[in-house]
Full PDB file with SEQRES, HELIX, SHEET, SSBOND, CRYST1, ORIGX, SCALE, CONECT and MASTER records, all heavy atoms in Angstrom:
SEQRES   1 A   36  LEU ARG GLY ALA ASP PHE PHE ASP VAL ALA ASN HIS PRO          
SEQRES   2 A   36  GLU ILE THR PHE ALA VAL ARG SER ALA GLU VAL ARG ASP          
SEQRES   3 A   36  GLY ASP GLN VAL HIS VAL VAL GLY GLN LEU                      
SHEET    1 AA1 2 ALA A  18  ARG A  25  0                                        
SHEET    2 AA1 2 GLN A  29  GLN A  35 -1                                        
CRYST1    1.000    1.000    1.000  90.00  90.00  90.00 P 1           1          
ORIGX1      1.000000  0.000000  0.000000        0.00000                         
ORIGX2      0.000000  1.000000  0.000000        0.00000                         
ORIGX3      0.000000  0.000000  1.000000        0.00000                         
SCALE1      1.000000  0.000000  0.000000        0.00000                         
SCALE2      0.000000  1.000000  0.000000        0.00000                         
SCALE3      0.000000  0.000000  1.000000        0.00000                         
ATOM      1  N   LEU A   1      39.880  57.335  -3.496  1.00  0.00           N  
ATOM      2  CA  LEU A   1      41.181  56.509  -3.399  1.00  0.00           C  
ATOM      3  C   LEU A   1      41.130  55.529  -2.305  1.00  0.00           C  
ATOM      4  O   LEU A   1      41.706  54.490  -2.432  1.00  0.00           O  
ATOM      5  CB  LEU A   1      42.234  57.510  -3.210  1.00  0.00           C  
ATOM      6  CG  LEU A   1      42.591  58.413  -4.397  1.00  0.00           C  
ATOM      7  CD1 LEU A   1      43.611  59.550  -3.938  1.00  0.00           C  
ATOM      8  CD2 LEU A   1      43.197  57.627  -5.545  1.00  0.00           C  
ATOM      9  N   ARG A   2      40.321  55.746  -1.237  1.00  0.00           N  
ATOM     10  CA  ARG A   2      40.222  54.799  -0.190  1.00  0.00           C  
ATOM     11  C   ARG A   2      39.293  53.646  -0.497  1.00  0.00           C  
ATOM     12  O   ARG A   2      39.361  52.562   0.079  1.00  0.00           O  
ATOM     13  CB  ARG A   2      39.673  55.489   1.075  1.00  0.00           C  
ATOM     14  CG  ARG A   2      40.647  56.445   1.735  1.00  0.00           C  
ATOM     15  CD  ARG A   2      40.059  57.124   3.005  1.00  0.00           C  
ATOM     16  NE  ARG A   2      40.979  58.122   3.512  1.00  0.00           N  
ATOM     17  CZ  ARG A   2      40.718  59.417   3.366  1.00  0.00           C  
ATOM     18  NH1 ARG A   2      39.549  59.869   2.823  1.00  0.00           N  
ATOM     19  NH2 ARG A   2      41.612  60.308   3.801  1.00  0.00           N  
ATOM     20  N   GLY A   3      38.447  53.841  -1.545  1.00  0.00           N  
ATOM     21  CA  GLY A   3      37.471  52.765  -1.902  1.00  0.00           C  
ATOM     22  C   GLY A   3      38.076  51.638  -2.727  1.00  0.00           C  
ATOM     23  O   GLY A   3      39.274  51.561  -2.981  1.00  0.00           O  
ATOM     24  N   ALA A   4      37.107  50.726  -3.183  1.00  0.00           N  
ATOM     25  CA  ALA A   4      37.441  49.547  -3.850  1.00  0.00           C  
ATOM     26  C   ALA A   4      38.150  49.763  -5.207  1.00  0.00           C  
ATOM     27  O   ALA A   4      38.943  48.940  -5.738  1.00  0.00           O  
ATOM     28  CB  ALA A   4      36.225  48.631  -4.097  1.00  0.00           C  
ATOM     29  N   ASP A   5      37.879  50.918  -5.886  1.00  0.00           N  
ATOM     30  CA  ASP A   5      38.541  51.143  -7.187  1.00  0.00           C  
ATOM     31  C   ASP A   5      40.069  51.434  -7.040  1.00  0.00           C  
ATOM     32  O   ASP A   5      40.767  51.185  -7.993  1.00  0.00           O  
ATOM     33  CB  ASP A   5      37.999  52.514  -7.820  1.00  0.00           C  
ATOM     34  CG  ASP A   5      36.577  52.326  -8.364  1.00  0.00           C  
ATOM     35  OD1 ASP A   5      36.226  51.178  -8.640  1.00  0.00           O  
ATOM     36  OD2 ASP A   5      35.939  53.407  -8.489  1.00  0.00           O  
ATOM     37  N   PHE A   6      40.454  51.771  -5.833  1.00  0.00           N  
ATOM     38  CA  PHE A   6      41.876  52.097  -5.606  1.00  0.00           C  
ATOM     39  C   PHE A   6      42.488  51.236  -4.473  1.00  0.00           C  
ATOM     40  O   PHE A   6      42.718  50.064  -4.533  1.00  0.00           O  
ATOM     41  CB  PHE A   6      42.193  53.549  -5.461  1.00  0.00           C  
ATOM     42  CG  PHE A   6      41.996  54.340  -6.780  1.00  0.00           C  
ATOM     43  CD1 PHE A   6      40.762  54.965  -7.060  1.00  0.00           C  
ATOM     44  CD2 PHE A   6      43.032  54.373  -7.727  1.00  0.00           C  
ATOM     45  CE1 PHE A   6      40.578  55.625  -8.220  1.00  0.00           C  
ATOM     46  CE2 PHE A   6      42.909  55.049  -8.892  1.00  0.00           C  
ATOM     47  CZ  PHE A   6      41.681  55.640  -9.137  1.00  0.00           C  
ATOM     48  N   PHE A   7      42.747  51.943  -3.335  1.00  0.00           N  
ATOM     49  CA  PHE A   7      43.393  51.190  -2.201  1.00  0.00           C  
ATOM     50  C   PHE A   7      42.559  50.232  -1.402  1.00  0.00           C  
ATOM     51  O   PHE A   7      43.120  49.371  -0.710  1.00  0.00           O  
ATOM     52  CB  PHE A   7      44.041  52.296  -1.231  1.00  0.00           C  
ATOM     53  CG  PHE A   7      45.186  53.065  -1.863  1.00  0.00           C  
ATOM     54  CD1 PHE A   7      45.105  54.333  -2.102  1.00  0.00           C  
ATOM     55  CD2 PHE A   7      46.377  52.416  -2.235  1.00  0.00           C  
ATOM     56  CE1 PHE A   7      46.131  55.134  -2.665  1.00  0.00           C  
ATOM     57  CE2 PHE A   7      47.380  53.110  -2.782  1.00  0.00           C  
ATOM     58  CZ  PHE A   7      47.261  54.473  -3.033  1.00  0.00           C  
ATOM     59  N   ASP A   8      41.255  50.293  -1.518  1.00  0.00           N  
ATOM     60  CA  ASP A   8      40.395  49.342  -0.823  1.00  0.00           C  
ATOM     61  C   ASP A   8      40.759  49.181   0.688  1.00  0.00           C  
ATOM     62  O   ASP A   8      41.027  48.127   1.177  1.00  0.00           O  
ATOM     63  CB  ASP A   8      40.412  48.044  -1.547  1.00  0.00           C  
ATOM     64  CG  ASP A   8      39.346  46.997  -1.007  1.00  0.00           C  
ATOM     65  OD1 ASP A   8      38.416  47.459  -0.354  1.00  0.00           O  
ATOM     66  OD2 ASP A   8      39.404  45.795  -1.314  1.00  0.00           O  
ATOM     67  N   VAL A   9      40.843  50.338   1.326  1.00  0.00           N  
ATOM     68  CA  VAL A   9      41.342  50.369   2.721  1.00  0.00           C  
ATOM     69  C   VAL A   9      40.491  49.505   3.697  1.00  0.00           C  
ATOM     70  O   VAL A   9      41.039  49.068   4.680  1.00  0.00           O  
ATOM     71  CB  VAL A   9      41.542  51.766   3.242  1.00  0.00           C  
ATOM     72  CG1 VAL A   9      42.510  52.559   2.377  1.00  0.00           C  
ATOM     73  CG2 VAL A   9      40.200  52.571   3.422  1.00  0.00           C  
ATOM     74  N   ALA A  10      39.266  49.242   3.403  1.00  0.00           N  
ATOM     75  CA  ALA A  10      38.456  48.428   4.276  1.00  0.00           C  
ATOM     76  C   ALA A  10      39.057  46.952   4.391  1.00  0.00           C  
ATOM     77  O   ALA A  10      39.061  46.359   5.409  1.00  0.00           O  
ATOM     78  CB  ALA A  10      37.035  48.358   3.842  1.00  0.00           C  
ATOM     79  N   ASN A  11      39.605  46.502   3.215  1.00  0.00           N  
ATOM     80  CA  ASN A  11      40.146  45.183   3.221  1.00  0.00           C  
ATOM     81  C   ASN A  11      41.704  45.208   3.317  1.00  0.00           C  
ATOM     82  O   ASN A  11      42.331  44.132   3.643  1.00  0.00           O  
ATOM     83  CB  ASN A  11      39.795  44.442   1.957  1.00  0.00           C  
ATOM     84  CG  ASN A  11      38.243  44.237   1.969  1.00  0.00           C  
ATOM     85  OD1 ASN A  11      37.722  43.657   2.888  1.00  0.00           O  
ATOM     86  ND2 ASN A  11      37.551  44.731   0.898  1.00  0.00           N  
ATOM     87  N   HIS A  12      42.357  46.284   2.911  1.00  0.00           N  
ATOM     88  CA  HIS A  12      43.807  46.354   2.955  1.00  0.00           C  
ATOM     89  C   HIS A  12      44.223  47.758   3.527  1.00  0.00           C  
ATOM     90  O   HIS A  12      44.579  48.708   2.823  1.00  0.00           O  
ATOM     91  CB  HIS A  12      44.331  46.324   1.459  1.00  0.00           C  
ATOM     92  CG  HIS A  12      43.821  45.109   0.820  1.00  0.00           C  
ATOM     93  ND1 HIS A  12      44.393  43.792   1.014  1.00  0.00           N  
ATOM     94  CD2 HIS A  12      42.824  44.898  -0.157  1.00  0.00           C  
ATOM     95  CE1 HIS A  12      43.699  42.941   0.293  1.00  0.00           C  
ATOM     96  NE2 HIS A  12      42.774  43.588  -0.360  1.00  0.00           N  
ATOM     97  N   PRO A  13      44.120  47.851   4.845  1.00  0.00           N  
ATOM     98  CA  PRO A  13      44.385  49.180   5.496  1.00  0.00           C  
ATOM     99  C   PRO A  13      45.915  49.614   5.458  1.00  0.00           C  
ATOM    100  O   PRO A  13      46.161  50.783   5.618  1.00  0.00           O  
ATOM    101  CB  PRO A  13      43.983  48.904   6.966  1.00  0.00           C  
ATOM    102  CG  PRO A  13      44.058  47.396   7.154  1.00  0.00           C  
ATOM    103  CD  PRO A  13      43.806  46.783   5.815  1.00  0.00           C  
ATOM    104  N   GLU A  14      46.825  48.733   5.121  1.00  0.00           N  
ATOM    105  CA  GLU A  14      48.248  49.154   5.118  1.00  0.00           C  
ATOM    106  C   GLU A  14      48.859  48.873   3.810  1.00  0.00           C  
ATOM    107  O   GLU A  14      48.598  47.928   3.138  1.00  0.00           O  
ATOM    108  CB  GLU A  14      48.959  48.420   6.252  1.00  0.00           C  
ATOM    109  CG  GLU A  14      48.575  48.646   7.673  1.00  0.00           C  
ATOM    110  CD  GLU A  14      49.371  47.927   8.725  1.00  0.00           C  
ATOM    111  OE1 GLU A  14      49.971  46.829   8.377  1.00  0.00           O  
ATOM    112  OE2 GLU A  14      49.368  48.367   9.832  1.00  0.00           O  
ATOM    113  N   ILE A  15      49.845  49.737   3.561  1.00  0.00           N  
ATOM    114  CA  ILE A  15      50.760  49.624   2.434  1.00  0.00           C  
ATOM    115  C   ILE A  15      52.110  49.385   3.111  1.00  0.00           C  
ATOM    116  O   ILE A  15      52.479  50.169   3.969  1.00  0.00           O  
ATOM    117  CB  ILE A  15      50.856  50.814   1.570  1.00  0.00           C  
ATOM    118  CG1 ILE A  15      49.450  51.077   0.914  1.00  0.00           C  
ATOM    119  CG2 ILE A  15      51.946  50.744   0.507  1.00  0.00           C  
ATOM    120  CD1 ILE A  15      49.289  52.491   0.237  1.00  0.00           C  
ATOM    121  N   THR A  16      52.836  48.309   2.746  1.00  0.00           N  
ATOM    122  CA  THR A  16      54.041  48.051   3.374  1.00  0.00           C  
ATOM    123  C   THR A  16      55.218  47.953   2.421  1.00  0.00           C  
ATOM    124  O   THR A  16      55.023  47.506   1.208  1.00  0.00           O  
ATOM    125  CB  THR A  16      54.075  46.787   4.205  1.00  0.00           C  
ATOM    126  OG1 THR A  16      53.695  45.671   3.366  1.00  0.00           O  
ATOM    127  CG2 THR A  16      53.068  46.843   5.329  1.00  0.00           C  
ATOM    128  N   PHE A  17      56.337  48.405   2.826  1.00  0.00           N  
ATOM    129  CA  PHE A  17      57.629  48.151   2.003  1.00  0.00           C  
ATOM    130  C   PHE A  17      58.604  47.416   2.891  1.00  0.00           C  
ATOM    131  O   PHE A  17      58.969  48.021   4.006  1.00  0.00           O  
ATOM    132  CB  PHE A  17      58.195  49.490   1.576  1.00  0.00           C  
ATOM    133  CG  PHE A  17      59.426  49.252   0.554  1.00  0.00           C  
ATOM    134  CD1 PHE A  17      59.175  48.881  -0.667  1.00  0.00           C  
ATOM    135  CD2 PHE A  17      60.674  49.298   1.130  1.00  0.00           C  
ATOM    136  CE1 PHE A  17      60.250  48.636  -1.568  1.00  0.00           C  
ATOM    137  CE2 PHE A  17      61.740  49.025   0.309  1.00  0.00           C  
ATOM    138  CZ  PHE A  17      61.549  48.698  -1.044  1.00  0.00           C  
ATOM    139  N   ALA A  18      58.816  46.185   2.642  1.00  0.00           N  
ATOM    140  CA  ALA A  18      59.742  45.342   3.394  1.00  0.00           C  
ATOM    141  C   ALA A  18      61.124  45.491   2.811  1.00  0.00           C  
ATOM    142  O   ALA A  18      61.273  44.984   1.637  1.00  0.00           O  
ATOM    143  CB  ALA A  18      59.302  43.908   3.409  1.00  0.00           C  
ATOM    144  N   VAL A  19      62.073  46.023   3.473  1.00  0.00           N  
ATOM    145  CA  VAL A  19      63.369  46.166   2.953  1.00  0.00           C  
ATOM    146  C   VAL A  19      64.153  44.845   3.149  1.00  0.00           C  
ATOM    147  O   VAL A  19      64.366  44.430   4.348  1.00  0.00           O  
ATOM    148  CB  VAL A  19      64.176  47.299   3.646  1.00  0.00           C  
ATOM    149  CG1 VAL A  19      65.587  47.457   3.198  1.00  0.00           C  
ATOM    150  CG2 VAL A  19      63.405  48.620   3.406  1.00  0.00           C  
ATOM    151  N   ARG A  20      64.580  44.247   2.088  1.00  0.00           N  
ATOM    152  CA  ARG A  20      65.269  42.904   2.180  1.00  0.00           C  
ATOM    153  C   ARG A  20      66.774  43.309   2.301  1.00  0.00           C  
ATOM    154  O   ARG A  20      67.480  42.521   3.034  1.00  0.00           O  
ATOM    155  CB  ARG A  20      65.038  42.074   0.950  1.00  0.00           C  
ATOM    156  CG  ARG A  20      63.618  41.785   0.644  1.00  0.00           C  
ATOM    157  CD  ARG A  20      63.065  40.795   1.666  1.00  0.00           C  
ATOM    158  NE  ARG A  20      61.698  40.424   1.205  1.00  0.00           N  
ATOM    159  CZ  ARG A  20      60.725  40.479   1.991  1.00  0.00           C  
ATOM    160  NH1 ARG A  20      60.811  40.838   3.293  1.00  0.00           N  
ATOM    161  NH2 ARG A  20      59.427  40.076   1.608  1.00  0.00           N  
ATOM    162  N   SER A  21      67.241  44.352   1.737  1.00  0.00           N  
ATOM    163  CA  SER A  21      68.618  44.754   1.864  1.00  0.00           C  
ATOM    164  C   SER A  21      68.740  46.200   1.441  1.00  0.00           C  
ATOM    165  O   SER A  21      68.038  46.686   0.574  1.00  0.00           O  
ATOM    166  CB  SER A  21      69.624  43.947   1.048  1.00  0.00           C  
ATOM    167  OG  SER A  21      69.496  44.309  -0.306  1.00  0.00           O  
ATOM    168  N   ALA A  22      69.526  46.927   2.275  1.00  0.00           N  
ATOM    169  CA  ALA A  22      69.879  48.347   1.998  1.00  0.00           C  
ATOM    170  C   ALA A  22      71.402  48.456   2.170  1.00  0.00           C  
ATOM    171  O   ALA A  22      71.872  48.110   3.247  1.00  0.00           O  
ATOM    172  CB  ALA A  22      69.130  49.270   2.880  1.00  0.00           C  
ATOM    173  N   GLU A  23      72.149  48.847   1.172  1.00  0.00           N  
ATOM    174  CA  GLU A  23      73.529  48.912   1.354  1.00  0.00           C  
ATOM    175  C   GLU A  23      74.058  50.286   0.806  1.00  0.00           C  
ATOM    176  O   GLU A  23      73.616  50.772  -0.228  1.00  0.00           O  
ATOM    177  CB  GLU A  23      74.228  47.877   0.436  1.00  0.00           C  
ATOM    178  CG  GLU A  23      73.815  46.441   0.867  1.00  0.00           C  
ATOM    179  CD  GLU A  23      74.413  45.360  -0.057  1.00  0.00           C  
ATOM    180  OE1 GLU A  23      74.997  45.729  -1.047  1.00  0.00           O  
ATOM    181  OE2 GLU A  23      74.256  44.192   0.233  1.00  0.00           O  
ATOM    182  N   VAL A  24      74.921  50.877   1.582  1.00  0.00           N  
ATOM    183  CA  VAL A  24      75.553  52.160   1.205  1.00  0.00           C  
ATOM    184  C   VAL A  24      76.567  51.902   0.148  1.00  0.00           C  
ATOM    185  O   VAL A  24      77.399  51.004   0.274  1.00  0.00           O  
ATOM    186  CB  VAL A  24      76.205  52.872   2.424  1.00  0.00           C  
ATOM    187  CG1 VAL A  24      76.848  54.112   2.024  1.00  0.00           C  
ATOM    188  CG2 VAL A  24      75.125  53.103   3.495  1.00  0.00           C  
ATOM    189  N   ARG A  25      76.445  52.654  -0.934  1.00  0.00           N  
ATOM    190  CA  ARG A  25      77.437  52.573  -2.009  1.00  0.00           C  
ATOM    191  C   ARG A  25      77.734  53.989  -2.555  1.00  0.00           C  
ATOM    192  O   ARG A  25      76.946  54.876  -2.400  1.00  0.00           O  
ATOM    193  CB  ARG A  25      76.746  51.781  -3.261  1.00  0.00           C  
ATOM    194  CG  ARG A  25      76.329  50.369  -2.957  1.00  0.00           C  
ATOM    195  CD  ARG A  25      75.750  49.806  -4.173  1.00  0.00           C  
ATOM    196  NE  ARG A  25      75.368  48.403  -3.899  1.00  0.00           N  
ATOM    197  CZ  ARG A  25      74.611  47.670  -4.745  1.00  0.00           C  
ATOM    198  NH1 ARG A  25      74.168  48.218  -5.883  1.00  0.00           N  
ATOM    199  NH2 ARG A  25      74.239  46.442  -4.443  1.00  0.00           N  
ATOM    200  N   ASP A  26      78.930  54.087  -3.056  1.00  0.00           N  
ATOM    201  CA  ASP A  26      79.398  55.378  -3.663  1.00  0.00           C  
ATOM    202  C   ASP A  26      79.106  56.614  -2.713  1.00  0.00           C  
ATOM    203  O   ASP A  26      78.446  57.470  -3.031  1.00  0.00           O  
ATOM    204  CB  ASP A  26      78.654  55.636  -4.900  1.00  0.00           C  
ATOM    205  CG  ASP A  26      78.936  54.581  -5.956  1.00  0.00           C  
ATOM    206  OD1 ASP A  26      80.125  54.029  -5.941  1.00  0.00           O  
ATOM    207  OD2 ASP A  26      78.013  54.176  -6.780  1.00  0.00           O  
ATOM    208  N   GLY A  27      79.614  56.463  -1.471  1.00  0.00           N  
ATOM    209  CA  GLY A  27      79.448  57.539  -0.475  1.00  0.00           C  
ATOM    210  C   GLY A  27      78.160  57.618   0.177  1.00  0.00           C  
ATOM    211  O   GLY A  27      77.913  56.920   1.132  1.00  0.00           O  
ATOM    212  N   ASP A  28      77.256  58.464  -0.335  1.00  0.00           N  
ATOM    213  CA  ASP A  28      75.956  58.632   0.365  1.00  0.00           C  
ATOM    214  C   ASP A  28      74.790  58.028  -0.354  1.00  0.00           C  
ATOM    215  O   ASP A  28      73.621  58.120   0.042  1.00  0.00           O  
ATOM    216  CB  ASP A  28      75.644  60.114   0.530  1.00  0.00           C  
ATOM    217  CG  ASP A  28      75.462  60.902  -0.779  1.00  0.00           C  
ATOM    218  OD1 ASP A  28      75.679  60.219  -1.901  1.00  0.00           O  
ATOM    219  OD2 ASP A  28      75.097  62.045  -0.761  1.00  0.00           O  
ATOM    220  N   GLN A  29      75.080  57.205  -1.357  1.00  0.00           N  
ATOM    221  CA  GLN A  29      73.976  56.388  -2.025  1.00  0.00           C  
ATOM    222  C   GLN A  29      73.619  55.132  -1.354  1.00  0.00           C  
ATOM    223  O   GLN A  29      74.499  54.427  -0.919  1.00  0.00           O  
ATOM    224  CB  GLN A  29      74.410  56.155  -3.519  1.00  0.00           C  
ATOM    225  CG  GLN A  29      74.876  57.361  -4.355  1.00  0.00           C  
ATOM    226  CD  GLN A  29      73.718  58.293  -4.525  1.00  0.00           C  
ATOM    227  OE1 GLN A  29      72.654  57.960  -5.077  1.00  0.00           O  
ATOM    228  NE2 GLN A  29      73.907  59.517  -4.145  1.00  0.00           N  
ATOM    229  N   VAL A  30      72.331  54.835  -1.319  1.00  0.00           N  
ATOM    230  CA  VAL A  30      71.846  53.658  -0.660  1.00  0.00           C  
ATOM    231  C   VAL A  30      71.071  52.858  -1.695  1.00  0.00           C  
ATOM    232  O   VAL A  30      70.090  53.354  -2.211  1.00  0.00           O  
ATOM    233  CB  VAL A  30      70.928  53.983   0.579  1.00  0.00           C  
ATOM    234  CG1 VAL A  30      70.503  52.689   1.240  1.00  0.00           C  
ATOM    235  CG2 VAL A  30      71.685  54.891   1.491  1.00  0.00           C  
ATOM    236  N   HIS A  31      71.565  51.677  -1.979  1.00  0.00           N  
ATOM    237  CA  HIS A  31      70.799  50.805  -2.934  1.00  0.00           C  
ATOM    238  C   HIS A  31      69.828  49.958  -2.061  1.00  0.00           C  
ATOM    239  O   HIS A  31      70.277  49.248  -1.163  1.00  0.00           O  
ATOM    240  CB  HIS A  31      71.766  49.859  -3.724  1.00  0.00           C  
ATOM    241  CG  HIS A  31      71.060  49.011  -4.676  1.00  0.00           C  
ATOM    242  ND1 HIS A  31      70.435  49.503  -5.779  1.00  0.00           N  
ATOM    243  CD2 HIS A  31      70.914  47.731  -4.663  1.00  0.00           C  
ATOM    244  CE1 HIS A  31      69.853  48.482  -6.467  1.00  0.00           C  
ATOM    245  NE2 HIS A  31      70.105  47.403  -5.757  1.00  0.00           N  
ATOM    246  N   VAL A  32      68.571  50.057  -2.369  1.00  0.00           N  
ATOM    247  CA  VAL A  32      67.535  49.399  -1.540  1.00  0.00           C  
ATOM    248  C   VAL A  32      66.810  48.343  -2.425  1.00  0.00           C  
ATOM    249  O   VAL A  32      66.338  48.652  -3.550  1.00  0.00           O  
ATOM    250  CB  VAL A  32      66.497  50.457  -0.985  1.00  0.00           C  
ATOM    251  CG1 VAL A  32      65.417  49.701  -0.203  1.00  0.00           C  
ATOM    252  CG2 VAL A  32      67.220  51.483  -0.184  1.00  0.00           C  
ATOM    253  N   VAL A  33      66.641  47.101  -1.872  1.00  0.00           N  
ATOM    254  CA  VAL A  33      65.891  46.095  -2.574  1.00  0.00           C  
ATOM    255  C   VAL A  33      64.894  45.640  -1.557  1.00  0.00           C  
ATOM    256  O   VAL A  33      65.149  45.399  -0.396  1.00  0.00           O  
ATOM    257  CB  VAL A  33      66.825  44.903  -2.938  1.00  0.00           C  
ATOM    258  CG1 VAL A  33      66.027  43.738  -3.504  1.00  0.00           C  
ATOM    259  CG2 VAL A  33      67.911  45.364  -3.924  1.00  0.00           C  
ATOM    260  N   GLY A  34      63.568  45.542  -2.051  1.00  0.00           N  
ATOM    261  CA  GLY A  34      62.572  45.128  -1.101  1.00  0.00           C  
ATOM    262  C   GLY A  34      61.355  44.646  -1.817  1.00  0.00           C  
ATOM    263  O   GLY A  34      61.360  44.383  -3.038  1.00  0.00           O  
ATOM    264  N   GLN A  35      60.258  44.530  -1.010  1.00  0.00           N  
ATOM    265  CA  GLN A  35      58.984  44.020  -1.476  1.00  0.00           C  
ATOM    266  C   GLN A  35      57.916  45.067  -1.076  1.00  0.00           C  
ATOM    267  O   GLN A  35      57.767  45.389   0.046  1.00  0.00           O  
ATOM    268  CB  GLN A  35      58.715  42.706  -0.781  1.00  0.00           C  
ATOM    269  CG  GLN A  35      57.608  41.771  -1.404  1.00  0.00           C  
ATOM    270  CD  GLN A  35      58.158  41.032  -2.599  1.00  0.00           C  
ATOM    271  OE1 GLN A  35      59.359  41.125  -2.939  1.00  0.00           O  
ATOM    272  NE2 GLN A  35      57.277  40.339  -3.342  1.00  0.00           N  
ATOM    273  N   LEU A  36      57.255  45.579  -2.088  1.00  0.00           N  
ATOM    274  CA  LEU A  36      56.162  46.559  -1.897  1.00  0.00           C  
ATOM    275  C   LEU A  36      54.829  45.792  -1.919  1.00  0.00           C  
ATOM    276  O   LEU A  36      54.592  45.050  -2.855  1.00  0.00           O  
ATOM    277  CB  LEU A  36      56.197  47.644  -2.969  1.00  0.00           C  
ATOM    278  CG  LEU A  36      55.070  48.715  -2.918  1.00  0.00           C  
ATOM    279  CD1 LEU A  36      55.182  49.529  -1.576  1.00  0.00           C  
ATOM    280  CD2 LEU A  36      55.208  49.620  -4.150  1.00  0.00           C  
TER     281      LEU A  36                                                      
MASTER        0    0    0    0    2    0    0    6  280    1    0    3          
END                                                                             
């Protein structure tokens, strides 16, 4: 999984999720929009 067939961690060591917006809706629900 760390190798070139999958995550290729030598060239791409991080996986990031950039949250562009997170808004609380309907009590405890959070609608999240971002970039993976």
